N, C-alpha and C. Protein backbone atom coordinates (compact mmCIF):
# COMPACT_ATOMS: atom_id res chain seq x y z
N MET A 1 -2.32 -9.04 -16.72
CA MET A 1 -2.30 -7.68 -17.21
C MET A 1 -1.54 -7.67 -18.53
N ALA A 2 -2.15 -7.09 -19.53
CA ALA A 2 -1.50 -6.96 -20.83
C ALA A 2 -0.39 -5.92 -20.74
N THR A 3 0.68 -6.16 -21.44
CA THR A 3 1.76 -5.19 -21.47
C THR A 3 1.98 -4.72 -22.89
N LEU A 4 2.46 -3.52 -23.01
CA LEU A 4 2.81 -2.93 -24.29
C LEU A 4 4.25 -2.48 -24.23
N GLN A 5 4.91 -2.51 -25.34
CA GLN A 5 6.27 -2.00 -25.40
C GLN A 5 6.23 -0.59 -25.94
N LYS A 6 6.83 0.34 -25.21
CA LYS A 6 6.90 1.73 -25.62
C LYS A 6 8.34 2.19 -25.52
N SER A 7 8.70 3.12 -26.35
CA SER A 7 10.03 3.70 -26.30
C SER A 7 9.89 5.10 -25.71
N LEU A 8 10.76 5.44 -24.77
CA LEU A 8 10.75 6.79 -24.24
C LEU A 8 12.15 7.23 -23.89
N ARG A 9 12.32 8.51 -23.88
CA ARG A 9 13.62 9.09 -23.55
C ARG A 9 13.60 9.47 -22.08
N ILE A 10 14.57 8.94 -21.35
CA ILE A 10 14.66 9.18 -19.92
C ILE A 10 15.99 9.87 -19.64
N PRO A 11 15.94 10.98 -18.91
CA PRO A 11 17.20 11.65 -18.58
C PRO A 11 18.16 10.70 -17.85
N LYS A 12 19.44 10.88 -18.12
CA LYS A 12 20.48 10.00 -17.58
C LYS A 12 20.40 9.88 -16.06
N GLU A 13 20.16 10.99 -15.36
CA GLU A 13 20.10 10.96 -13.90
C GLU A 13 18.97 10.07 -13.41
N ILE A 14 17.84 10.09 -14.09
CA ILE A 14 16.71 9.26 -13.69
C ILE A 14 17.01 7.80 -13.99
N VAL A 15 17.64 7.52 -15.11
CA VAL A 15 18.05 6.15 -15.43
C VAL A 15 18.97 5.62 -14.32
N GLU A 16 19.90 6.44 -13.89
CA GLU A 16 20.82 6.02 -12.83
C GLU A 16 20.07 5.76 -11.53
N ASP A 17 19.10 6.62 -11.20
CA ASP A 17 18.30 6.41 -9.99
C ASP A 17 17.51 5.10 -10.06
N ILE A 18 16.89 4.85 -11.22
CA ILE A 18 16.11 3.63 -11.38
C ILE A 18 17.02 2.41 -11.31
N GLN A 19 18.19 2.49 -11.91
CA GLN A 19 19.13 1.37 -11.87
C GLN A 19 19.57 1.07 -10.43
N MET A 20 19.84 2.13 -9.66
CA MET A 20 20.22 1.93 -8.25
C MET A 20 19.07 1.28 -7.46
N LEU A 21 17.84 1.73 -7.72
CA LEU A 21 16.68 1.14 -7.06
C LEU A 21 16.54 -0.32 -7.45
N ALA A 22 16.71 -0.61 -8.73
CA ALA A 22 16.60 -1.98 -9.21
C ALA A 22 17.62 -2.88 -8.52
N GLU A 23 18.84 -2.42 -8.42
CA GLU A 23 19.88 -3.21 -7.77
C GLU A 23 19.59 -3.40 -6.29
N ALA A 24 19.10 -2.36 -5.64
CA ALA A 24 18.81 -2.44 -4.20
C ALA A 24 17.65 -3.38 -3.90
N THR A 25 16.72 -3.49 -4.83
CA THR A 25 15.53 -4.31 -4.59
C THR A 25 15.58 -5.67 -5.28
N GLY A 26 16.67 -5.92 -6.00
CA GLY A 26 16.79 -7.21 -6.69
C GLY A 26 15.90 -7.33 -7.91
N GLN A 27 15.48 -6.20 -8.46
CA GLN A 27 14.65 -6.20 -9.66
C GLN A 27 15.51 -5.89 -10.87
N ASP A 28 14.97 -6.20 -12.05
CA ASP A 28 15.65 -5.71 -13.24
C ASP A 28 15.17 -4.28 -13.49
N PHE A 29 15.84 -3.59 -14.39
CA PHE A 29 15.54 -2.18 -14.65
C PHE A 29 14.08 -2.00 -15.04
N SER A 30 13.58 -2.85 -15.91
CA SER A 30 12.21 -2.71 -16.41
C SER A 30 11.20 -2.85 -15.28
N ALA A 31 11.38 -3.83 -14.40
CA ALA A 31 10.43 -4.04 -13.30
C ALA A 31 10.44 -2.85 -12.35
N ALA A 32 11.64 -2.33 -12.04
CA ALA A 32 11.73 -1.18 -11.15
C ALA A 32 11.07 0.05 -11.78
N ALA A 33 11.30 0.26 -13.06
CA ALA A 33 10.70 1.41 -13.75
C ALA A 33 9.18 1.30 -13.80
N VAL A 34 8.68 0.11 -14.08
CA VAL A 34 7.23 -0.10 -14.14
C VAL A 34 6.61 0.15 -12.76
N GLU A 35 7.27 -0.34 -11.69
CA GLU A 35 6.75 -0.11 -10.34
C GLU A 35 6.68 1.39 -10.03
N LEU A 36 7.74 2.11 -10.37
CA LEU A 36 7.75 3.55 -10.13
C LEU A 36 6.66 4.27 -10.94
N LEU A 37 6.52 3.91 -12.20
CA LEU A 37 5.49 4.52 -13.04
C LEU A 37 4.09 4.22 -12.52
N ALA A 38 3.86 2.98 -12.11
CA ALA A 38 2.55 2.60 -11.59
C ALA A 38 2.21 3.39 -10.33
N GLU A 39 3.18 3.50 -9.42
CA GLU A 39 2.94 4.25 -8.19
C GLU A 39 2.71 5.73 -8.49
N ALA A 40 3.49 6.28 -9.39
CA ALA A 40 3.32 7.70 -9.74
C ALA A 40 1.94 7.94 -10.34
N ALA A 41 1.49 7.05 -11.20
CA ALA A 41 0.16 7.19 -11.81
C ALA A 41 -0.93 7.10 -10.75
N LYS A 42 -0.78 6.18 -9.80
CA LYS A 42 -1.77 6.03 -8.73
C LYS A 42 -1.79 7.26 -7.82
N MET A 43 -0.62 7.81 -7.54
CA MET A 43 -0.55 9.00 -6.69
C MET A 43 -1.17 10.21 -7.38
N ARG A 44 -1.00 10.30 -8.68
CA ARG A 44 -1.63 11.40 -9.43
C ARG A 44 -3.15 11.24 -9.44
N ARG A 45 -3.58 9.99 -9.59
CA ARG A 45 -5.01 9.72 -9.66
C ARG A 45 -5.68 9.87 -8.29
N CYS A 46 -4.94 9.59 -7.24
CA CYS A 46 -5.48 9.60 -5.88
C CYS A 46 -4.63 10.49 -4.98
N PRO A 47 -4.79 11.80 -5.04
CA PRO A 47 -4.00 12.69 -4.19
C PRO A 47 -4.18 12.33 -2.71
N GLY A 48 -3.08 12.46 -1.97
CA GLY A 48 -3.12 12.12 -0.55
C GLY A 48 -2.67 10.71 -0.26
N ILE A 49 -2.30 9.97 -1.31
CA ILE A 49 -1.83 8.59 -1.15
C ILE A 49 -0.36 8.53 -1.56
N GLY A 50 0.42 7.80 -0.78
CA GLY A 50 1.81 7.54 -1.09
C GLY A 50 2.06 6.05 -0.93
N PHE A 51 3.30 5.64 -1.04
CA PHE A 51 3.64 4.22 -0.92
C PHE A 51 4.79 4.05 0.03
N ALA A 52 4.78 2.96 0.77
CA ALA A 52 5.83 2.70 1.76
C ALA A 52 6.22 1.24 1.74
N ASP A 53 7.51 1.00 2.01
CA ASP A 53 8.01 -0.37 2.15
C ASP A 53 7.77 -0.83 3.58
N GLY A 54 7.63 -2.12 3.72
CA GLY A 54 7.51 -2.72 5.05
C GLY A 54 7.70 -4.21 4.94
N PRO A 55 7.57 -4.91 6.05
CA PRO A 55 7.77 -6.36 6.04
C PRO A 55 6.85 -7.09 5.06
N ALA A 56 5.68 -6.52 4.81
CA ALA A 56 4.72 -7.14 3.89
C ALA A 56 4.83 -6.59 2.47
N GLY A 57 5.90 -5.88 2.17
CA GLY A 57 6.09 -5.33 0.83
C GLY A 57 5.63 -3.87 0.77
N ARG A 58 5.50 -3.34 -0.44
CA ARG A 58 5.07 -1.95 -0.62
C ARG A 58 3.56 -1.88 -0.52
N ARG A 59 3.11 -0.84 0.17
CA ARG A 59 1.69 -0.67 0.37
C ARG A 59 1.29 0.77 0.18
N ALA A 60 0.05 0.94 -0.26
CA ALA A 60 -0.53 2.27 -0.37
C ALA A 60 -0.78 2.79 1.04
N ARG A 61 -0.40 4.05 1.27
CA ARG A 61 -0.49 4.64 2.60
C ARG A 61 -1.13 6.02 2.50
N VAL A 62 -1.91 6.37 3.51
CA VAL A 62 -2.50 7.70 3.57
C VAL A 62 -1.42 8.64 4.09
N LEU A 63 -1.04 9.61 3.27
CA LEU A 63 0.05 10.50 3.62
C LEU A 63 -0.22 11.26 4.92
N GLY A 64 0.83 11.37 5.72
CA GLY A 64 0.74 12.11 6.96
C GLY A 64 0.11 11.36 8.11
N THR A 65 -0.16 10.06 7.94
CA THR A 65 -0.86 9.32 8.98
C THR A 65 -0.08 8.13 9.53
N GLY A 66 0.76 7.52 8.72
CA GLY A 66 1.39 6.26 9.12
C GLY A 66 0.46 5.07 8.95
N LEU A 67 -0.72 5.29 8.40
CA LEU A 67 -1.70 4.22 8.22
C LEU A 67 -1.76 3.78 6.76
N ASP A 68 -1.81 2.47 6.58
CA ASP A 68 -2.00 1.92 5.25
C ASP A 68 -3.47 2.06 4.86
N VAL A 69 -3.72 2.19 3.57
CA VAL A 69 -5.10 2.30 3.08
C VAL A 69 -5.90 1.08 3.52
N TRP A 70 -5.30 -0.10 3.42
CA TRP A 70 -6.05 -1.31 3.77
C TRP A 70 -6.53 -1.27 5.22
N GLU A 71 -5.76 -0.65 6.11
CA GLU A 71 -6.16 -0.59 7.52
C GLU A 71 -7.45 0.22 7.69
N LEU A 72 -7.50 1.38 7.04
CA LEU A 72 -8.71 2.21 7.13
C LEU A 72 -9.89 1.51 6.48
N ILE A 73 -9.64 0.86 5.35
CA ILE A 73 -10.75 0.20 4.64
C ILE A 73 -11.24 -1.01 5.42
N ALA A 74 -10.37 -1.76 6.06
CA ALA A 74 -10.80 -2.89 6.89
C ALA A 74 -11.69 -2.39 8.03
N THR A 75 -11.30 -1.27 8.63
CA THR A 75 -12.13 -0.68 9.68
C THR A 75 -13.46 -0.21 9.10
N TYR A 76 -13.39 0.47 7.96
CA TYR A 76 -14.60 0.97 7.29
C TYR A 76 -15.58 -0.17 7.02
N LYS A 77 -15.07 -1.28 6.54
CA LYS A 77 -15.94 -2.44 6.26
C LYS A 77 -16.53 -2.99 7.55
N SER A 78 -15.70 -3.06 8.61
CA SER A 78 -16.19 -3.59 9.89
C SER A 78 -17.24 -2.68 10.52
N LEU A 79 -17.29 -1.43 10.09
CA LEU A 79 -18.26 -0.46 10.61
C LEU A 79 -19.47 -0.32 9.68
N GLY A 80 -19.67 -1.30 8.82
CA GLY A 80 -20.82 -1.28 7.92
C GLY A 80 -20.70 -0.27 6.80
N GLU A 81 -19.44 0.10 6.45
CA GLU A 81 -19.15 1.07 5.39
C GLU A 81 -19.88 2.39 5.63
N ASN A 82 -19.83 2.82 6.89
CA ASN A 82 -20.49 4.04 7.31
C ASN A 82 -19.44 5.14 7.51
N PRO A 83 -19.43 6.17 6.65
CA PRO A 83 -18.42 7.23 6.77
C PRO A 83 -18.44 7.95 8.12
N ALA A 84 -19.61 8.15 8.71
CA ALA A 84 -19.69 8.84 10.00
C ALA A 84 -19.03 7.99 11.09
N ARG A 85 -19.22 6.70 11.05
CA ARG A 85 -18.59 5.82 12.03
C ARG A 85 -17.08 5.75 11.81
N LEU A 86 -16.65 5.83 10.55
CA LEU A 86 -15.21 5.86 10.26
C LEU A 86 -14.60 7.14 10.84
N ARG A 87 -15.31 8.24 10.72
CA ARG A 87 -14.83 9.51 11.27
C ARG A 87 -14.66 9.40 12.78
N LYS A 88 -15.60 8.72 13.45
CA LYS A 88 -15.48 8.53 14.91
C LYS A 88 -14.34 7.58 15.26
N ALA A 89 -14.10 6.59 14.41
CA ALA A 89 -13.02 5.63 14.67
C ALA A 89 -11.64 6.26 14.51
N TYR A 90 -11.54 7.24 13.62
CA TYR A 90 -10.27 7.92 13.35
C TYR A 90 -10.48 9.44 13.45
N PRO A 91 -10.79 9.95 14.64
CA PRO A 91 -11.09 11.38 14.75
C PRO A 91 -9.89 12.29 14.48
N TRP A 92 -8.68 11.76 14.58
CA TRP A 92 -7.49 12.58 14.36
C TRP A 92 -7.18 12.76 12.87
N LEU A 93 -7.85 12.00 12.01
CA LEU A 93 -7.62 12.16 10.57
C LEU A 93 -8.51 13.28 10.03
N SER A 94 -7.98 13.97 9.05
CA SER A 94 -8.78 15.00 8.40
C SER A 94 -9.78 14.33 7.45
N ASP A 95 -10.79 15.10 7.07
CA ASP A 95 -11.75 14.58 6.08
C ASP A 95 -11.02 14.23 4.79
N ALA A 96 -10.04 15.04 4.42
CA ALA A 96 -9.29 14.79 3.18
C ALA A 96 -8.52 13.46 3.27
N GLN A 97 -7.96 13.14 4.43
CA GLN A 97 -7.23 11.89 4.58
C GLN A 97 -8.18 10.69 4.48
N ARG A 98 -9.33 10.79 5.13
CA ARG A 98 -10.31 9.69 5.03
C ARG A 98 -10.81 9.55 3.59
N ARG A 99 -11.07 10.68 2.94
CA ARG A 99 -11.52 10.64 1.54
C ARG A 99 -10.46 10.04 0.63
N ALA A 100 -9.18 10.33 0.92
CA ALA A 100 -8.10 9.77 0.10
C ALA A 100 -8.13 8.25 0.16
N ALA A 101 -8.28 7.70 1.36
CA ALA A 101 -8.32 6.24 1.52
C ALA A 101 -9.54 5.65 0.81
N LEU A 102 -10.69 6.26 1.02
CA LEU A 102 -11.91 5.76 0.38
C LEU A 102 -11.84 5.89 -1.14
N GLY A 103 -11.25 6.99 -1.61
CA GLY A 103 -11.09 7.18 -3.05
C GLY A 103 -10.15 6.17 -3.66
N TYR A 104 -9.05 5.90 -2.96
CA TYR A 104 -8.10 4.91 -3.47
C TYR A 104 -8.78 3.54 -3.55
N TYR A 105 -9.55 3.22 -2.53
CA TYR A 105 -10.26 1.94 -2.53
C TYR A 105 -11.28 1.87 -3.66
N ALA A 106 -11.94 2.97 -3.95
CA ALA A 106 -12.92 2.99 -5.04
C ALA A 106 -12.26 2.69 -6.38
N VAL A 107 -11.02 3.15 -6.55
CA VAL A 107 -10.31 2.96 -7.81
C VAL A 107 -9.57 1.63 -7.87
N TYR A 108 -9.04 1.18 -6.73
CA TYR A 108 -8.21 -0.04 -6.70
C TYR A 108 -8.72 -1.04 -5.66
N PRO A 109 -10.00 -1.45 -5.74
CA PRO A 109 -10.55 -2.34 -4.71
C PRO A 109 -9.87 -3.71 -4.64
N GLU A 110 -9.48 -4.26 -5.78
CA GLU A 110 -8.86 -5.60 -5.76
C GLU A 110 -7.56 -5.58 -4.97
N GLU A 111 -6.76 -4.54 -5.17
CA GLU A 111 -5.48 -4.42 -4.46
C GLU A 111 -5.70 -4.38 -2.94
N ILE A 112 -6.66 -3.57 -2.51
CA ILE A 112 -6.90 -3.41 -1.07
C ILE A 112 -7.57 -4.65 -0.50
N ASP A 113 -8.54 -5.22 -1.20
CA ASP A 113 -9.19 -6.43 -0.72
C ASP A 113 -8.20 -7.58 -0.59
N ARG A 114 -7.25 -7.66 -1.51
CA ARG A 114 -6.21 -8.70 -1.45
C ARG A 114 -5.34 -8.50 -0.20
N ARG A 115 -4.98 -7.26 0.09
CA ARG A 115 -4.15 -6.96 1.27
C ARG A 115 -4.92 -7.28 2.55
N ILE A 116 -6.20 -6.96 2.60
CA ILE A 116 -7.02 -7.29 3.77
C ILE A 116 -7.09 -8.79 3.95
N ALA A 117 -7.31 -9.51 2.86
CA ALA A 117 -7.38 -10.98 2.94
C ALA A 117 -6.07 -11.58 3.44
N LEU A 118 -4.94 -11.06 2.96
CA LEU A 118 -3.64 -11.55 3.44
C LEU A 118 -3.48 -11.30 4.93
N ASN A 119 -3.89 -10.14 5.39
CA ASN A 119 -3.79 -9.82 6.81
C ASN A 119 -4.67 -10.74 7.65
N GLU A 120 -5.86 -11.05 7.15
CA GLU A 120 -6.79 -11.90 7.90
C GLU A 120 -6.31 -13.34 8.01
N GLN A 121 -5.35 -13.74 7.18
CA GLN A 121 -4.79 -15.09 7.27
C GLN A 121 -3.91 -15.29 8.50
N TRP A 122 -3.51 -14.18 9.14
CA TRP A 122 -2.63 -14.28 10.30
C TRP A 122 -3.43 -14.59 11.56
N THR A 123 -3.73 -15.87 11.74
CA THR A 123 -4.40 -16.32 12.95
C THR A 123 -3.37 -16.53 14.04
N ALA A 124 -3.82 -16.70 15.27
CA ALA A 124 -2.90 -16.96 16.38
C ALA A 124 -2.11 -18.24 16.12
N GLU A 125 -2.77 -19.25 15.56
CA GLU A 125 -2.08 -20.52 15.27
C GLU A 125 -1.00 -20.34 14.20
N ARG A 126 -1.32 -19.61 13.17
CA ARG A 126 -0.32 -19.37 12.11
C ARG A 126 0.86 -18.57 12.66
N LEU A 127 0.58 -17.59 13.49
CA LEU A 127 1.65 -16.81 14.11
C LEU A 127 2.53 -17.72 14.98
N ARG A 128 1.90 -18.58 15.77
CA ARG A 128 2.64 -19.51 16.64
C ARG A 128 3.53 -20.44 15.80
N THR A 129 3.03 -20.88 14.67
CA THR A 129 3.78 -21.80 13.82
C THR A 129 4.90 -21.11 13.06
N HIS A 130 4.62 -19.95 12.49
CA HIS A 130 5.58 -19.28 11.62
C HIS A 130 6.51 -18.30 12.32
N HIS A 131 6.03 -17.69 13.41
CA HIS A 131 6.83 -16.66 14.10
C HIS A 131 6.68 -16.78 15.62
N PRO A 132 7.10 -17.88 16.20
CA PRO A 132 6.89 -18.08 17.64
C PRO A 132 7.58 -17.03 18.50
N ALA A 133 8.65 -16.43 18.02
CA ALA A 133 9.35 -15.42 18.81
C ALA A 133 8.52 -14.14 19.00
N LEU A 134 7.50 -13.96 18.19
CA LEU A 134 6.66 -12.76 18.31
C LEU A 134 5.55 -12.91 19.34
N LEU A 135 5.36 -14.10 19.87
CA LEU A 135 4.28 -14.32 20.83
C LEU A 135 4.62 -13.70 22.18
N PRO A 136 3.62 -13.16 22.85
CA PRO A 136 3.89 -12.58 24.17
C PRO A 136 4.33 -13.65 25.17
N GLY A 137 5.11 -13.22 26.14
CA GLY A 137 5.57 -14.12 27.19
C GLY A 137 6.81 -14.91 26.83
N ARG A 138 7.34 -14.72 25.65
CA ARG A 138 8.59 -15.42 25.24
C ARG A 138 9.78 -14.64 25.74
N LYS A 139 10.81 -15.35 26.12
CA LYS A 139 12.05 -14.70 26.58
C LYS A 139 13.18 -14.98 25.64
């Protein structure tokens, strides 16, 4: 990704917030600010999407659901990319929530496809090798 250098005036309180975030996440100020700006731009472009931290890093999430976008899209793909079947698979979601996930995927397919691919790498053997304490039947 090409980067450009821009100068902007940021209120002191926001600078302090970004600095605290940078320190908490082990990032430098610039990386933390870029992450925040990128997420804000994505949220503006795709209403109904937010971001959440988790063991696998920050992920795009459908607001009000607890579901990551990649989860809905993986299901959508497994259902032959059929919106009616997706509605049946997630009947508790509103049409707006399903549209938010599909819209985010339409705009950022590489990000979501990469997350799906990472998730698919977790085979039973890999789990046994890397995280044996998570296997059922362990004491």
